[in-house]
Protein backbone atom coordinates (compact mmCIF):
# COMPACT_ATOMS: atom_id res chain seq x y z
CA MET A 1 22.52 -2.85 -17.92
CA ALA A 2 18.65 -2.67 -17.79
CA GLU A 3 16.99 0.60 -16.77
CA ASP A 4 15.73 0.65 -13.08
CA PRO A 5 12.05 0.60 -13.52
CA THR A 6 11.41 1.82 -10.08
CA ASN A 7 9.18 4.99 -9.94
CA PRO A 8 11.46 7.96 -9.04
CA LYS A 9 9.13 9.16 -6.22
CA VAL A 10 8.99 5.70 -4.60
CA GLN A 11 12.80 5.44 -4.95
CA SER A 12 13.19 8.69 -3.23
CA LEU A 13 10.70 7.59 -0.43
CA ALA A 14 12.45 4.55 0.03
CA THR A 15 15.43 6.10 1.56
CA LYS A 16 13.63 9.16 3.24
CA ASP A 17 13.99 8.96 7.15
CA GLY A 18 10.45 9.02 8.65
CA ALA A 19 8.55 8.56 5.42
CA LEU A 20 6.61 5.47 6.83
CA ASP A 21 4.86 5.54 10.02
CA THR A 22 6.52 2.37 11.48
CA HIS A 23 3.65 1.88 14.19
CA ASN A 24 0.84 1.54 11.71
CA LEU A 25 0.16 -0.19 8.61
CA SER A 26 1.64 1.55 5.51
CA LEU A 27 0.71 1.31 2.07
CA ILE A 28 4.25 0.99 0.25
CA GLY A 29 3.07 0.18 -3.45
CA THR A 30 0.59 -0.51 -5.78
CA MET A 31 0.66 -2.56 -8.91
CA GLY A 32 -0.97 -4.87 -11.39
CA THR A 33 -3.83 -3.91 -13.96
CA GLU A 34 -7.18 -2.31 -13.64
CA ALA A 35 -8.76 -5.61 -13.78
CA LEU A 36 -6.60 -7.12 -11.07
CA PRO A 37 -4.76 -4.36 -8.83
CA ARG A 38 -2.65 -5.34 -6.07
CA ALA A 39 -1.06 -3.44 -3.36
CA LEU A 40 1.85 -3.84 -0.80
CA VAL A 41 1.31 -3.23 2.66
CA ARG A 42 3.87 -2.99 5.51
CA PHE A 43 2.87 -4.05 8.97
CA PRO A 44 4.25 -2.39 12.10
CA ASN A 45 6.54 -5.43 12.66
CA GLY A 46 8.13 -5.09 9.41
CA ARG A 47 6.36 -7.76 7.32
CA ILE A 48 5.31 -6.99 3.97
CA GLU A 49 2.24 -8.45 2.38
CA LYS A 50 0.77 -8.53 -0.98
CA VAL A 51 -3.02 -7.90 -1.09
CA THR A 52 -5.95 -7.79 -3.57
CA VAL A 53 -9.47 -6.61 -3.56
CA GLY A 54 -11.51 -8.82 -1.29
CA ASP A 55 -8.69 -9.73 1.02
CA SER A 56 -8.80 -9.34 4.49
CA LEU A 57 -6.39 -6.92 6.20
CA ARG A 58 -6.69 -6.75 10.07
CA GLY A 59 -10.27 -7.43 9.95
CA ASN A 60 -11.00 -4.86 7.12
CA ARG A 61 -12.32 -5.93 3.88
CA ILE A 62 -10.14 -4.43 0.73
CA ASP A 63 -12.75 -2.72 -1.36
CA ALA A 64 -10.64 -1.16 -3.88
CA ILE A 65 -6.87 -0.35 -4.69
CA GLU A 66 -6.18 2.90 -6.50
CA PRO A 67 -2.81 3.95 -7.76
CA GLU A 68 -2.00 6.00 -4.44
CA ARG A 69 -4.38 4.46 -1.97
CA LEU A 70 -6.14 1.46 -0.57
CA LEU A 71 -9.77 1.54 0.39
CA MET A 72 -11.06 -0.86 3.18
CA SER A 73 -14.33 -1.31 5.11
CA ARG A 74 -15.24 -2.85 8.32
CA ASN A 75 -18.63 -3.05 9.81
CA GLY A 76 -19.91 -0.46 7.41
CA ARG A 77 -17.00 2.09 8.12
CA GLN A 78 -14.89 2.80 5.45
CA SER A 79 -11.10 3.71 6.00
CA ILE A 80 -8.32 4.75 3.58
CA LEU A 81 -4.58 3.83 3.60
CA GLN A 82 -2.77 6.43 1.57
CA MET A 83 0.90 6.27 0.06
CA PRO A 84 3.20 8.15 1.90
CA GLN A 85 3.70 11.78 0.74
CA GLY A 86 7.25 13.20 -0.12
């Protein structure tokens, strides 16, 4: 049987009650390479979308994707979406 490649932190958060704020956007994972980072974002309705730098997310432009966070901007204001802390 192949080894499960899931990060242990992600694996433990995936089953922890209240780890995600289900009423707001949640960053649930980052992946890819430095040159082409991508992220998985969960919407309040449960939909999950894969995004990359330059994409639009609820009117915000995705400026950067780092291992534990997503940096966005809208009308000159920057916001950060962090991975859940466990």
